[in-house]
Amino acid sequence: MAGISGTESSSEVMDSGGRALKLQTDTPHLVNIGGDRLSTSVTLHPIPQGNI
């Protein structure tokens, strides 16, 4: 599958041939998993680099 565009970091989505997808990025992300009885949603929130 193609990479995700529109982001500053590189990312890649790979189809594992089954019922799962694997996402690999160079930068950390927060992952929100939600949904209801008939669907599942996954939202990725990139963590910007900066001072702590």
PDB file of N, CA and C in Angstrom:
ATOM      1  N   MET A   1       0.837  -1.176   0.000  1.00  0.00           N
ATOM      2  CA  MET A   1       0.000   0.000   0.000  1.00  0.00           C
ATOM      3  C   MET A   1       0.881   1.238   0.000  1.00  0.00           C
ATOM      4  N   ALA A   2       0.326   2.342  -0.346  1.00  0.00           N
ATOM      5  CA  ALA A   2       1.085   3.586  -0.456  1.00  0.00           C
ATOM      6  C   ALA A   2       1.277   4.220   0.903  1.00  0.00           C
ATOM      7  N   GLY A   3       2.271   5.108   0.981  1.00  0.00           N
ATOM      8  CA  GLY A   3       2.506   5.859   2.199  1.00  0.00           C
ATOM      9  C   GLY A   3       1.444   6.928   2.379  1.00  0.00           C
ATOM     10  N   ILE A   4       1.385   7.468   3.562  1.00  0.00           N
ATOM     11  CA  ILE A   4       0.420   8.511   3.880  1.00  0.00           C
ATOM     12  C   ILE A   4       1.063   9.850   3.566  1.00  0.00           C
ATOM     13  N   SER A   5       0.382  10.686   2.786  1.00  0.00           N
ATOM     14  CA  SER A   5       0.932  11.992   2.434  1.00  0.00           C
ATOM     15  C   SER A   5       0.301  13.067   3.298  1.00  0.00           C
ATOM     16  N   GLY A   6       0.893  14.259   3.247  1.00  0.00           N
ATOM     17  CA  GLY A   6       0.347  15.374   3.999  1.00  0.00           C
ATOM     18  C   GLY A   6       0.927  15.504   5.395  1.00  0.00           C
ATOM     19  N   THR A   7       1.914  14.681   5.732  1.00  0.00           N
ATOM     20  CA  THR A   7       2.557  14.787   7.025  1.00  0.00           C
ATOM     21  C   THR A   7       4.020  15.097   6.828  1.00  0.00           C
ATOM     22  N   GLU A   8       4.647  15.672   7.862  1.00  0.00           N
ATOM     23  CA  GLU A   8       6.057  16.015   7.776  1.00  0.00           C
ATOM     24  C   GLU A   8       6.942  14.797   7.957  1.00  0.00           C
ATOM     25  N   SER A   9       6.494  13.793   8.699  1.00  0.00           N
ATOM     26  CA  SER A   9       7.291  12.592   8.907  1.00  0.00           C
ATOM     27  C   SER A   9       6.888  11.529   7.891  1.00  0.00           C
ATOM     28  N   SER A  10       7.776  10.589   7.697  1.00  0.00           N
ATOM     29  CA  SER A  10       7.428   9.533   6.756  1.00  0.00           C
ATOM     30  C   SER A  10       6.637   8.457   7.482  1.00  0.00           C
ATOM     31  N   SER A  11       5.667   7.898   6.808  1.00  0.00           N
ATOM     32  CA  SER A  11       4.839   6.839   7.369  1.00  0.00           C
ATOM     33  C   SER A  11       4.470   5.873   6.262  1.00  0.00           C
ATOM     34  N   GLU A  12       4.170   4.665   6.658  1.00  0.00           N
ATOM     35  CA  GLU A  12       3.856   3.630   5.686  1.00  0.00           C
ATOM     36  C   GLU A  12       2.777   2.720   6.253  1.00  0.00           C
ATOM     37  N   VAL A  13       1.792   2.402   5.421  1.00  0.00           N
ATOM     38  CA  VAL A  13       0.733   1.473   5.798  1.00  0.00           C
ATOM     39  C   VAL A  13       0.942   0.201   4.996  1.00  0.00           C
ATOM     40  N   MET A  14       0.973  -0.937   5.696  1.00  0.00           N
ATOM     41  CA  MET A  14       1.193  -2.212   5.038  1.00  0.00           C
ATOM     42  C   MET A  14       0.009  -3.136   5.294  1.00  0.00           C
ATOM     43  N   ASP A  15      -0.453  -3.803   4.253  1.00  0.00           N
ATOM     44  CA  ASP A  15      -1.530  -4.781   4.374  1.00  0.00           C
ATOM     45  C   ASP A  15      -0.910  -6.117   4.743  1.00  0.00           C
ATOM     46  N   SER A  16      -1.351  -6.692   5.860  1.00  0.00           N
ATOM     47  CA  SER A  16      -0.782  -7.962   6.310  1.00  0.00           C
ATOM     48  C   SER A  16      -1.482  -9.159   5.690  1.00  0.00           C
ATOM     49  N   GLY A  17      -2.404  -8.932   4.762  1.00  0.00           N
ATOM     50  CA  GLY A  17      -3.073 -10.031   4.076  1.00  0.00           C
ATOM     51  C   GLY A  17      -4.258 -10.606   4.830  1.00  0.00           C
ATOM     52  N   GLY A  18      -4.528 -10.110   5.987  1.00  0.00           N
ATOM     53  CA  GLY A  18      -5.644 -10.627   6.780  1.00  0.00           C
ATOM     54  C   GLY A  18      -6.616  -9.523   7.131  1.00  0.00           C
ATOM     55  N   ARG A  19      -6.979  -9.482   8.393  1.00  0.00           N
ATOM     56  CA  ARG A  19      -7.933  -8.485   8.857  1.00  0.00           C
ATOM     57  C   ARG A  19      -7.252  -7.367   9.621  1.00  0.00           C
ATOM     58  N   ALA A  20      -5.958  -7.175   9.412  1.00  0.00           N
ATOM     59  CA  ALA A  20      -5.215  -6.160  10.149  1.00  0.00           C
ATOM     60  C   ALA A  20      -4.365  -5.330   9.205  1.00  0.00           C
ATOM     61  N   LEU A  21      -4.108  -4.099   9.616  1.00  0.00           N
ATOM     62  CA  LEU A  21      -3.182  -3.214   8.918  1.00  0.00           C
ATOM     63  C   LEU A  21      -2.085  -2.822   9.888  1.00  0.00           C
ATOM     64  N   LYS A  22      -0.883  -2.635   9.378  1.00  0.00           N
ATOM     65  CA  LYS A  22       0.238  -2.211  10.200  1.00  0.00           C
ATOM     66  C   LYS A  22       0.669  -0.830   9.739  1.00  0.00           C
ATOM     67  N   LEU A  23       0.816   0.091  10.673  1.00  0.00           N
ATOM     68  CA  LEU A  23       1.242   1.454  10.378  1.00  0.00           C
ATOM     69  C   LEU A  23       2.599   1.671  11.034  1.00  0.00           C
ATOM     70  N   GLN A  24       3.563   2.133  10.259  1.00  0.00           N
ATOM     71  CA  GLN A  24       4.894   2.402  10.785  1.00  0.00           C
ATOM     72  C   GLN A  24       5.253   3.844  10.490  1.00  0.00           C
ATOM     73  N   THR A  25       5.659   4.600  11.527  1.00  0.00           N
ATOM     74  CA  THR A  25       6.043   5.998  11.360  1.00  0.00           C
ATOM     75  C   THR A  25       7.402   6.240  12.004  1.00  0.00           C
ATOM     76  N   ASP A  26       8.023   7.341  11.621  1.00  0.00           N
ATOM     77  CA  ASP A  26       9.314   7.728  12.204  1.00  0.00           C
ATOM     78  C   ASP A  26       9.149   8.512  13.497  1.00  0.00           C
ATOM     79  N   THR A  27       7.986   9.077  13.728  1.00  0.00           N
ATOM     80  CA  THR A  27       7.744   9.897  14.914  1.00  0.00           C
ATOM     81  C   THR A  27       6.659   9.256  15.784  1.00  0.00           C
ATOM     82  N   PRO A  28       6.633   9.579  17.085  1.00  0.00           N
ATOM     83  CA  PRO A  28       5.621   8.992  17.974  1.00  0.00           C
ATOM     84  C   PRO A  28       4.229   9.572  17.740  1.00  0.00           C
ATOM     85  N   HIS A  29       3.216   8.781  18.033  1.00  0.00           N
ATOM     86  CA  HIS A  29       1.815   9.177  17.901  1.00  0.00           C
ATOM     87  C   HIS A  29       1.035   8.680  19.111  1.00  0.00           C
ATOM     88  N   LEU A  30       0.004   9.413  19.475  1.00  0.00           N
ATOM     89  CA  LEU A  30      -0.989   8.911  20.417  1.00  0.00           C
ATOM     90  C   LEU A  30      -2.047   8.195  19.592  1.00  0.00           C
ATOM     91  N   VAL A  31      -2.543   7.071  20.093  1.00  0.00           N
ATOM     92  CA  VAL A  31      -3.523   6.279  19.366  1.00  0.00           C
ATOM     93  C   VAL A  31      -4.817   6.249  20.162  1.00  0.00           C
ATOM     94  N   ASN A  32      -5.913   6.613  19.510  1.00  0.00           N
ATOM     95  CA  ASN A  32      -7.238   6.563  20.111  1.00  0.00           C
ATOM     96  C   ASN A  32      -8.028   5.473  19.400  1.00  0.00           C
ATOM     97  N   ILE A  33      -8.455   4.461  20.150  1.00  0.00           N
ATOM     98  CA  ILE A  33      -9.236   3.364  19.577  1.00  0.00           C
ATOM     99  C   ILE A  33     -10.660   3.498  20.094  1.00  0.00           C
ATOM    100  N   GLY A  34     -11.611   3.595  19.181  1.00  0.00           N
ATOM    101  CA  GLY A  34     -13.004   3.760  19.563  1.00  0.00           C
ATOM    102  C   GLY A  34     -13.905   2.994  18.621  1.00  0.00           C
ATOM    103  N   GLY A  35     -15.180   3.266  18.691  1.00  0.00           N
ATOM    104  CA  GLY A  35     -16.134   2.625  17.809  1.00  0.00           C
ATOM    105  C   GLY A  35     -17.384   2.215  18.554  1.00  0.00           C
ATOM    106  N   ASP A  36     -18.189   1.443  17.870  1.00  0.00           N
ATOM    107  CA  ASP A  36     -19.418   0.945  18.477  1.00  0.00           C
ATOM    108  C   ASP A  36     -19.520  -0.557  18.204  1.00  0.00           C
ATOM    109  N   ARG A  37     -20.701  -1.113  18.314  1.00  0.00           N
ATOM    110  CA  ARG A  37     -20.870  -2.564  18.161  1.00  0.00           C
ATOM    111  C   ARG A  37     -20.541  -3.065  16.773  1.00  0.00           C
ATOM    112  N   LEU A  38     -20.757  -2.262  15.729  1.00  0.00           N
ATOM    113  CA  LEU A  38     -20.599  -2.732  14.358  1.00  0.00           C
ATOM    114  C   LEU A  38     -19.348  -2.199  13.655  1.00  0.00           C
ATOM    115  N   SER A  39     -18.611  -1.320  14.296  1.00  0.00           N
ATOM    116  CA  SER A  39     -17.425  -0.769  13.635  1.00  0.00           C
ATOM    117  C   SER A  39     -16.359  -0.417  14.668  1.00  0.00           C
ATOM    118  N   THR A  40     -15.165  -0.242  14.192  1.00  0.00           N
ATOM    119  CA  THR A  40     -14.043   0.169  15.031  1.00  0.00           C
ATOM    120  C   THR A  40     -13.352   1.339  14.350  1.00  0.00           C
ATOM    121  N   SER A  41     -12.979   2.327  15.126  1.00  0.00           N
ATOM    122  CA  SER A  41     -12.257   3.466  14.564  1.00  0.00           C
ATOM    123  C   SER A  41     -10.922   3.608  15.280  1.00  0.00           C
ATOM    124  N   VAL A  42      -9.921   4.015  14.531  1.00  0.00           N
ATOM    125  CA  VAL A  42      -8.594   4.278  15.081  1.00  0.00           C
ATOM    126  C   VAL A  42      -8.184   5.665  14.615  1.00  0.00           C
ATOM    127  N   THR A  43      -7.843   6.541  15.552  1.00  0.00           N
ATOM    128  CA  THR A  43      -7.397   7.891  15.233  1.00  0.00           C
ATOM    129  C   THR A  43      -5.966   8.044  15.715  1.00  0.00           C
ATOM    130  N   LEU A  44      -5.090   8.535  14.839  1.00  0.00           N
ATOM    131  CA  LEU A  44      -3.696   8.770  15.188  1.00  0.00           C
ATOM    132  C   LEU A  44      -3.473  10.263  15.377  1.00  0.00           C
ATOM    133  N   HIS A  45      -2.887  10.634  16.508  1.00  0.00           N
ATOM    134  CA  HIS A  45      -2.582  12.033  16.806  1.00  0.00           C
ATOM    135  C   HIS A  45      -1.064  12.157  16.884  1.00  0.00           C
ATOM    136  N   PRO A  46      -0.421  12.813  15.895  1.00  0.00           N
ATOM    137  CA  PRO A  46       1.030  12.952  15.951  1.00  0.00           C
ATOM    138  C   PRO A  46       1.458  13.838  17.124  1.00  0.00           C
ATOM    139  N   ILE A  47       2.562  13.477  17.757  1.00  0.00           N
ATOM    140  CA  ILE A  47       3.115  14.271  18.838  1.00  0.00           C
ATOM    141  C   ILE A  47       4.197  15.170  18.246  1.00  0.00           C
ATOM    142  N   PRO A  48       3.985  16.484  18.251  1.00  0.00           N
ATOM    143  CA  PRO A  48       4.981  17.373  17.638  1.00  0.00           C
ATOM    144  C   PRO A  48       6.257  17.433  18.477  1.00  0.00           C
ATOM    145  N   GLN A  49       7.389  17.628  17.804  1.00  0.00           N
ATOM    146  CA  GLN A  49       8.652  17.790  18.509  1.00  0.00           C
ATOM    147  C   GLN A  49       8.702  19.170  19.121  1.00  0.00           C
ATOM    148  N   GLY A  50       9.300  19.256  20.283  1.00  0.00           N
ATOM    149  CA  GLY A  50       9.405  20.543  20.954  1.00  0.00           C
ATOM    150  C   GLY A  50      10.092  20.385  22.298  1.00  0.00           C
ATOM    151  N   ASN A  51      10.122  21.459  23.046  1.00  0.00           N
ATOM    152  CA  ASN A  51      10.735  21.441  24.366  1.00  0.00           C
ATOM    153  C   ASN A  51       9.736  20.944  25.388  1.00  0.00           C
ATOM    154  N   ILE A  52      10.245  20.250  26.384  1.00  0.00           N
ATOM    155  CA  ILE A  52       9.379  19.740  27.463  1.00  0.00           C
ATOM    156  C   ILE A  52       9.436  20.693  28.619  1.00  0.00           C
TER     157      ILE A  52
END
